[in-house]
N, C-alpha and C. Protein backbone atom coordinates (compact mmCIF):
# COMPACT_ATOMS: atom_id res chain seq x y z
N MET A 1 0.24 10.79 12.83
CA MET A 1 -0.88 11.61 12.64
C MET A 1 -2.16 10.40 12.76
N ARG A 2 -3.17 10.99 13.70
CA ARG A 2 -4.40 9.89 13.81
C ARG A 2 -5.19 10.74 13.10
N ILE A 3 -6.26 9.63 12.26
CA ILE A 3 -7.44 10.06 11.54
C ILE A 3 -8.30 8.93 11.96
N TYR A 4 -9.43 9.14 12.37
CA TYR A 4 -10.61 8.08 12.56
C TYR A 4 -9.88 6.85 13.36
N GLY A 5 -8.93 6.97 14.38
CA GLY A 5 -8.73 6.12 14.67
C GLY A 5 -7.56 5.23 14.15
N PHE A 6 -7.34 5.25 13.20
CA PHE A 6 -6.05 5.08 12.70
C PHE A 6 -4.78 5.80 12.53
N VAL A 7 -3.58 5.32 12.76
CA VAL A 7 -2.32 5.89 12.75
C VAL A 7 -1.81 5.54 11.41
N LEU A 8 -1.70 7.10 10.78
CA LEU A 8 -0.93 6.96 9.72
C LEU A 8 0.67 6.96 9.58
N PRO A 9 1.26 5.94 9.09
CA PRO A 9 2.86 5.89 9.27
C PRO A 9 3.36 6.89 9.16
N LYS A 10 4.54 7.72 9.56
CA LYS A 10 4.92 9.06 9.55
C LYS A 10 5.94 9.05 8.25
N ASN A 11 6.63 8.09 8.00
CA ASN A 11 7.82 8.16 6.90
C ASN A 11 7.40 7.79 5.36
N LYS A 12 5.91 7.51 5.56
CA LYS A 12 5.24 7.18 4.23
C LYS A 12 5.06 8.46 3.64
N VAL A 13 4.97 8.16 2.12
CA VAL A 13 4.10 9.41 1.36
C VAL A 13 2.60 9.28 1.82
N PHE A 14 2.41 10.87 2.04
CA PHE A 14 0.91 10.92 2.42
C PHE A 14 -0.04 10.00 1.61
N ARG A 15 -0.14 10.25 0.06
CA ARG A 15 -1.02 9.51 -0.74
C ARG A 15 -1.19 8.03 -0.13
N TYR A 16 0.12 7.32 0.20
CA TYR A 16 0.23 6.03 0.39
C TYR A 16 -0.52 5.63 1.48
N ALA A 17 0.05 6.49 2.74
CA ALA A 17 -0.36 6.47 3.92
C ALA A 17 -1.97 6.05 4.14
N LEU A 18 -2.34 7.03 3.43
CA LEU A 18 -3.69 7.15 3.62
C LEU A 18 -4.52 5.94 3.36
N ARG A 19 -3.78 4.92 2.58
CA ARG A 19 -4.41 3.44 2.64
C ARG A 19 -4.64 2.58 3.76
N ALA A 20 -3.81 3.30 4.82
CA ALA A 20 -3.89 2.51 6.03
C ALA A 20 -5.28 2.75 6.90
N ILE A 21 -6.11 3.57 6.59
CA ILE A 21 -7.51 3.81 6.94
C ILE A 21 -8.26 2.94 6.00
N TYR A 22 -9.10 2.06 6.79
CA TYR A 22 -9.77 1.19 6.14
C TYR A 22 -11.30 1.78 5.22
N GLY A 23 -11.15 1.23 3.99
CA GLY A 23 -12.15 1.75 3.38
C GLY A 23 -11.47 2.86 2.30
N VAL A 24 -10.08 3.26 2.44
CA VAL A 24 -9.31 4.07 1.68
C VAL A 24 -8.43 3.51 0.68
N GLY A 25 -8.69 3.43 -0.53
CA GLY A 25 -7.80 2.73 -1.34
C GLY A 25 -6.91 3.82 -2.25
N GLU A 26 -6.34 3.14 -3.32
CA GLU A 26 -5.81 4.40 -4.44
C GLU A 26 -6.49 5.33 -4.98
N TYR A 27 -7.82 4.93 -5.19
CA TYR A 27 -8.54 5.78 -6.23
C TYR A 27 -9.03 7.10 -4.98
N ARG A 28 -9.44 6.68 -3.81
CA ARG A 28 -9.91 7.56 -2.78
C ARG A 28 -8.96 8.63 -2.33
N ALA A 29 -7.55 7.66 -2.04
CA ALA A 29 -6.51 8.54 -1.50
C ALA A 29 -5.92 9.75 -2.47
N ARG A 30 -5.95 9.22 -3.78
CA ARG A 30 -5.84 10.52 -4.87
C ARG A 30 -6.59 11.35 -5.02
N LEU A 31 -7.99 11.26 -4.69
CA LEU A 31 -9.15 12.19 -4.76
C LEU A 31 -8.93 12.99 -3.42
N ILE A 32 -8.53 12.40 -2.18
CA ILE A 32 -8.36 13.19 -1.30
C ILE A 32 -7.27 14.11 -1.48
N CYS A 33 -6.03 13.66 -1.99
CA CYS A 33 -4.85 14.63 -2.11
C CYS A 33 -4.98 15.87 -2.96
N GLU A 34 -5.99 15.35 -3.99
CA GLU A 34 -6.19 16.22 -4.92
C GLU A 34 -7.27 17.66 -4.42
N ASP A 35 -7.95 17.19 -3.78
CA ASP A 35 -9.25 17.95 -3.16
C ASP A 35 -8.14 18.90 -2.12
N MET A 36 -7.20 18.31 -1.53
CA MET A 36 -6.56 18.95 -0.18
C MET A 36 -5.21 19.65 -0.85
N LYS A 37 -5.13 19.63 -2.19
CA LYS A 37 -3.99 20.13 -2.88
C LYS A 37 -2.57 19.84 -2.21
N ILE A 38 -2.39 18.42 -1.88
CA ILE A 38 -1.09 18.00 -1.36
C ILE A 38 -0.57 17.40 -2.62
N GLU A 39 0.98 17.47 -2.93
CA GLU A 39 1.63 16.90 -3.84
C GLU A 39 2.01 15.42 -3.64
N ASP A 40 2.11 14.78 -4.65
CA ASP A 40 2.94 13.26 -4.34
C ASP A 40 3.71 13.17 -3.76
N SER A 41 4.77 13.94 -3.39
CA SER A 41 5.89 13.60 -2.76
C SER A 41 5.95 14.13 -1.19
N VAL A 42 4.64 14.51 -0.85
CA VAL A 42 4.71 14.99 0.58
C VAL A 42 4.48 13.92 1.44
N ARG A 43 5.43 13.62 2.78
CA ARG A 43 5.38 12.67 3.43
C ARG A 43 4.51 12.95 4.79
N VAL A 44 4.10 12.07 5.58
CA VAL A 44 2.95 12.28 6.66
C VAL A 44 3.94 13.13 7.67
N LYS A 45 5.19 13.02 7.83
CA LYS A 45 5.88 13.79 9.03
C LYS A 45 6.06 15.26 8.37
N ASP A 46 5.73 15.53 7.55
CA ASP A 46 5.83 17.02 6.77
C ASP A 46 4.49 17.96 7.25
N LEU A 47 3.48 17.28 7.52
CA LEU A 47 2.29 17.67 7.63
C LEU A 47 2.11 18.12 9.02
N ASP A 48 1.21 19.05 9.29
CA ASP A 48 0.98 19.66 10.66
C ASP A 48 -0.74 19.37 10.91
N ASP A 49 -0.95 19.60 12.17
CA ASP A 49 -2.24 19.23 12.61
C ASP A 49 -3.28 19.72 11.85
N SER A 50 -3.11 21.11 11.50
CA SER A 50 -4.29 21.66 10.38
C SER A 50 -4.54 20.72 9.40
N HIS A 51 -3.62 19.95 8.86
CA HIS A 51 -4.04 18.94 7.74
C HIS A 51 -4.53 18.03 8.03
N ALA A 52 -4.63 17.63 9.18
CA ALA A 52 -5.29 16.26 10.01
C ALA A 52 -7.04 16.97 10.01
N VAL A 53 -7.06 18.10 10.50
CA VAL A 53 -8.42 18.91 10.33
C VAL A 53 -8.98 18.66 8.99
N GLN A 54 -8.03 19.35 8.19
CA GLN A 54 -8.56 19.46 6.71
C GLN A 54 -9.22 18.08 6.10
N LEU A 55 -8.25 16.99 6.80
CA LEU A 55 -8.52 15.59 5.65
C LEU A 55 -9.93 15.21 6.72
N GLY A 56 -9.88 15.42 7.46
CA GLY A 56 -11.48 15.00 8.22
C GLY A 56 -12.53 15.48 7.52
N LYS A 57 -12.33 17.09 7.20
CA LYS A 57 -13.47 17.71 6.27
C LYS A 57 -13.77 17.31 5.02
N THR A 58 -12.35 17.14 4.36
CA THR A 58 -12.30 16.33 3.07
C THR A 58 -13.18 15.29 2.91
N ILE A 59 -12.86 14.02 4.03
CA ILE A 59 -13.80 12.93 4.11
C ILE A 59 -15.39 13.17 4.26
N GLU A 60 -15.62 13.93 5.09
CA GLU A 60 -17.08 14.17 5.19
C GLU A 60 -17.35 14.96 4.33
N LYS A 61 -16.98 15.75 3.14
CA LYS A 61 -17.52 16.69 2.12
C LYS A 61 -17.73 15.73 1.02
N HIS A 62 -16.89 14.81 0.76
CA HIS A 62 -16.92 13.27 0.22
C HIS A 62 -17.98 12.57 0.28
N GLY A 63 -18.44 12.35 1.55
CA GLY A 63 -19.47 11.38 2.03
C GLY A 63 -18.83 10.03 2.25
N PHE A 64 -17.52 9.85 2.28
CA PHE A 64 -17.05 8.44 2.11
C PHE A 64 -17.35 7.69 3.75
N VAL A 65 -17.73 6.76 3.45
CA VAL A 65 -17.85 5.84 4.74
C VAL A 65 -16.74 4.88 4.68
N ILE A 66 -15.97 5.07 6.35
CA ILE A 66 -14.74 4.56 6.41
C ILE A 66 -14.49 4.19 7.79
N GLY A 67 -13.68 3.24 7.88
CA GLY A 67 -13.33 2.84 9.28
C GLY A 67 -14.44 1.93 9.97
N PRO A 68 -14.70 2.12 11.30
CA PRO A 68 -15.74 1.27 12.06
C PRO A 68 -17.10 1.31 11.34
N ASP A 69 -17.49 2.72 10.95
CA ASP A 69 -18.52 2.49 10.12
C ASP A 69 -18.78 1.71 9.19
N LEU A 70 -17.87 1.69 8.28
CA LEU A 70 -17.76 0.93 6.70
C LEU A 70 -17.53 -0.66 7.39
N GLN A 71 -17.03 -1.06 8.67
CA GLN A 71 -17.24 -2.43 8.91
C GLN A 71 -18.65 -2.82 9.28
N ARG A 72 -19.02 -1.87 10.38
CA ARG A 72 -20.35 -2.10 10.84
C ARG A 72 -21.50 -2.35 9.62
N GLU A 73 -21.44 -1.32 8.65
CA GLU A 73 -22.27 -1.24 7.30
C GLU A 73 -22.21 -2.77 6.66
N ILE A 74 -20.93 -3.16 6.50
CA ILE A 74 -20.47 -4.54 5.64
C ILE A 74 -20.98 -5.64 6.57
N ASN A 75 -21.11 -5.64 7.80
CA ASN A 75 -21.68 -6.66 8.67
C ASN A 75 -23.30 -6.60 8.72
N GLU A 76 -23.92 -5.27 8.91
CA GLU A 76 -25.05 -5.33 8.96
C GLU A 76 -25.87 -5.97 7.35
N ASN A 77 -24.98 -5.62 6.43
CA ASN A 77 -25.11 -6.32 4.79
C ASN A 77 -25.53 -7.76 5.04
N ILE A 78 -24.30 -8.21 5.54
CA ILE A 78 -24.18 -9.73 5.48
C ILE A 78 -25.25 -10.51 6.42
N LYS A 79 -25.63 -9.73 7.50
CA LYS A 79 -26.53 -9.95 8.62
C LYS A 79 -27.84 -10.22 7.75
N ARG A 80 -28.40 -9.08 7.03
CA ARG A 80 -29.45 -9.08 6.25
C ARG A 80 -29.43 -9.89 5.17
N LEU A 81 -28.44 -10.27 4.75
CA LEU A 81 -28.63 -11.57 3.45
C LEU A 81 -28.86 -12.74 4.24
N GLN A 82 -28.27 -12.87 5.56
CA GLN A 82 -28.47 -14.38 6.36
C GLN A 82 -29.83 -14.23 6.82
N ALA A 83 -30.35 -13.12 7.22
CA ALA A 83 -31.91 -13.15 7.52
C ALA A 83 -32.78 -13.37 6.57
N ASN A 84 -32.35 -13.07 5.60
CA ASN A 84 -33.20 -13.15 4.11
C ASN A 84 -33.44 -14.69 3.74
N GLY A 85 -32.36 -15.43 4.41
CA GLY A 85 -32.36 -16.96 3.81
C GLY A 85 -31.79 -16.86 2.53
N SER A 86 -31.19 -15.74 1.71
CA SER A 86 -30.81 -15.79 0.07
C SER A 86 -29.52 -16.68 0.17
N LEU A 87 -29.26 -17.34 -1.06
CA LEU A 87 -28.03 -18.19 -1.22
C LEU A 87 -27.08 -17.32 -0.92
N ARG A 88 -26.79 -15.93 -1.20
CA ARG A 88 -25.54 -15.47 -0.42
C ARG A 88 -25.28 -15.38 0.96
N GLY A 89 -26.47 -15.02 1.51
CA GLY A 89 -26.32 -15.17 2.89
C GLY A 89 -26.16 -16.62 3.86
N ARG A 90 -26.69 -17.76 2.81
CA ARG A 90 -26.25 -18.93 3.31
C ARG A 90 -24.77 -19.15 3.24
N ARG A 91 -24.13 -18.73 1.97
CA ARG A 91 -22.79 -18.88 1.72
C ARG A 91 -21.83 -18.23 2.45
N HIS A 92 -22.30 -17.10 2.86
CA HIS A 92 -21.71 -16.30 4.13
C HIS A 92 -21.44 -17.09 5.21
N LEU A 93 -22.89 -17.84 5.66
CA LEU A 93 -22.83 -18.43 6.94
C LEU A 93 -22.00 -19.38 7.17
N TYR A 94 -21.86 -20.28 5.89
CA TYR A 94 -20.86 -21.65 5.85
C TYR A 94 -19.42 -20.98 5.63
N GLY A 95 -19.22 -20.06 5.48
CA GLY A 95 -17.78 -19.75 5.06
C GLY A 95 -17.34 -20.17 3.67
N LEU A 96 -17.90 -20.34 2.91
CA LEU A 96 -17.59 -20.35 1.21
C LEU A 96 -17.73 -19.34 0.62
N PRO A 97 -16.99 -19.55 -0.60
CA PRO A 97 -17.21 -18.20 -1.74
C PRO A 97 -18.71 -17.92 -1.99
N VAL A 98 -18.74 -16.47 -2.34
CA VAL A 98 -20.04 -15.81 -2.38
C VAL A 98 -20.22 -15.66 -3.64
N ASN A 99 -19.40 -15.21 -4.39
CA ASN A 99 -19.72 -14.78 -5.81
C ASN A 99 -19.55 -15.78 -6.87
N GLY A 100 -19.99 -16.96 -6.83
CA GLY A 100 -20.00 -17.80 -7.76
C GLY A 100 -18.47 -18.57 -8.25
N GLN A 101 -17.72 -18.42 -7.22
CA GLN A 101 -16.31 -19.03 -7.62
C GLN A 101 -16.54 -20.61 -7.62
N ARG A 102 -15.80 -21.01 -8.22
CA ARG A 102 -15.59 -22.79 -8.11
C ARG A 102 -15.29 -23.13 -6.68
N THR A 103 -15.97 -24.16 -6.51
CA THR A 103 -15.33 -24.94 -5.18
C THR A 103 -14.78 -26.31 -5.43
N LYS A 104 -15.02 -26.77 -6.39
CA LYS A 104 -14.64 -28.13 -6.81
C LYS A 104 -12.72 -28.34 -6.45
N SER A 105 -11.99 -27.26 -7.35
CA SER A 105 -10.89 -27.60 -7.36
C SER A 105 -10.07 -26.12 -6.49
N ASN A 106 -11.02 -25.13 -6.15
CA ASN A 106 -10.12 -24.11 -5.36
C ASN A 106 -11.00 -23.74 -4.18
N ALA A 107 -10.86 -22.78 -3.52
CA ALA A 107 -11.15 -22.57 -2.07
C ALA A 107 -10.98 -23.60 -1.10
N LYS A 108 -10.13 -24.30 -1.16
CA LYS A 108 -9.72 -25.44 -0.31
C LYS A 108 -9.84 -24.94 1.09
N SER A 109 -9.38 -23.84 1.43
CA SER A 109 -9.34 -23.43 2.67
C SER A 109 -10.90 -23.15 3.42
N ALA A 110 -11.44 -22.46 2.15
CA ALA A 110 -12.66 -22.18 2.74
C ALA A 110 -13.86 -23.39 3.02
N ARG A 111 -13.40 -24.44 2.21
CA ARG A 111 -14.20 -25.81 2.51
C ARG A 111 -13.67 -26.53 3.74
N ARG A 112 -12.26 -26.36 4.03
CA ARG A 112 -11.92 -27.22 5.09
C ARG A 112 -12.38 -26.65 6.51
N ARG A 113 -12.51 -24.98 6.36
CA ARG A 113 -12.69 -24.69 7.86
C ARG A 113 -14.33 -24.14 8.00
N LYS A 114 -15.27 -25.23 7.18
CA LYS A 114 -16.84 -24.63 7.31
C LYS A 114 -16.89 -24.61 8.97
N LYS A 115 -18.15 -23.84 8.93
CA LYS A 115 -18.54 -23.57 10.37
C LYS A 115 -19.67 -24.53 10.69
N VAL A 116 -19.51 -25.01 11.86
CA VAL A 116 -20.59 -26.05 12.28
C VAL A 116 -21.82 -25.45 13.01
N MET A 117 -22.40 -25.83 12.27
CA MET A 117 -24.13 -24.94 12.56
C MET A 117 -25.00 -25.95 13.63
């Protein structure tokens, strides 16, 4: 089953297979299954094409931003922070931890792979 350009694994339980879609985690997968009235034991191979259409409508109904749209939104937010010249934007630019994590003893790979400006 293909949804928004993502292929759901056929042998997995539907609720867990939904997590293959970028932006759908455990909570959103549970919400989608409850809204579509699909039990926890149903596998992707047991569903038909009408469920794929219903899944698309359910995602639109909840207003979830997923897949390439979510990736684009995240990248735009990072570029906006960098254009503002904010500290978070500069940390993104240099490839360092952004949310206040320590870098003296941790984040070795981030400090090792600094981007050359």
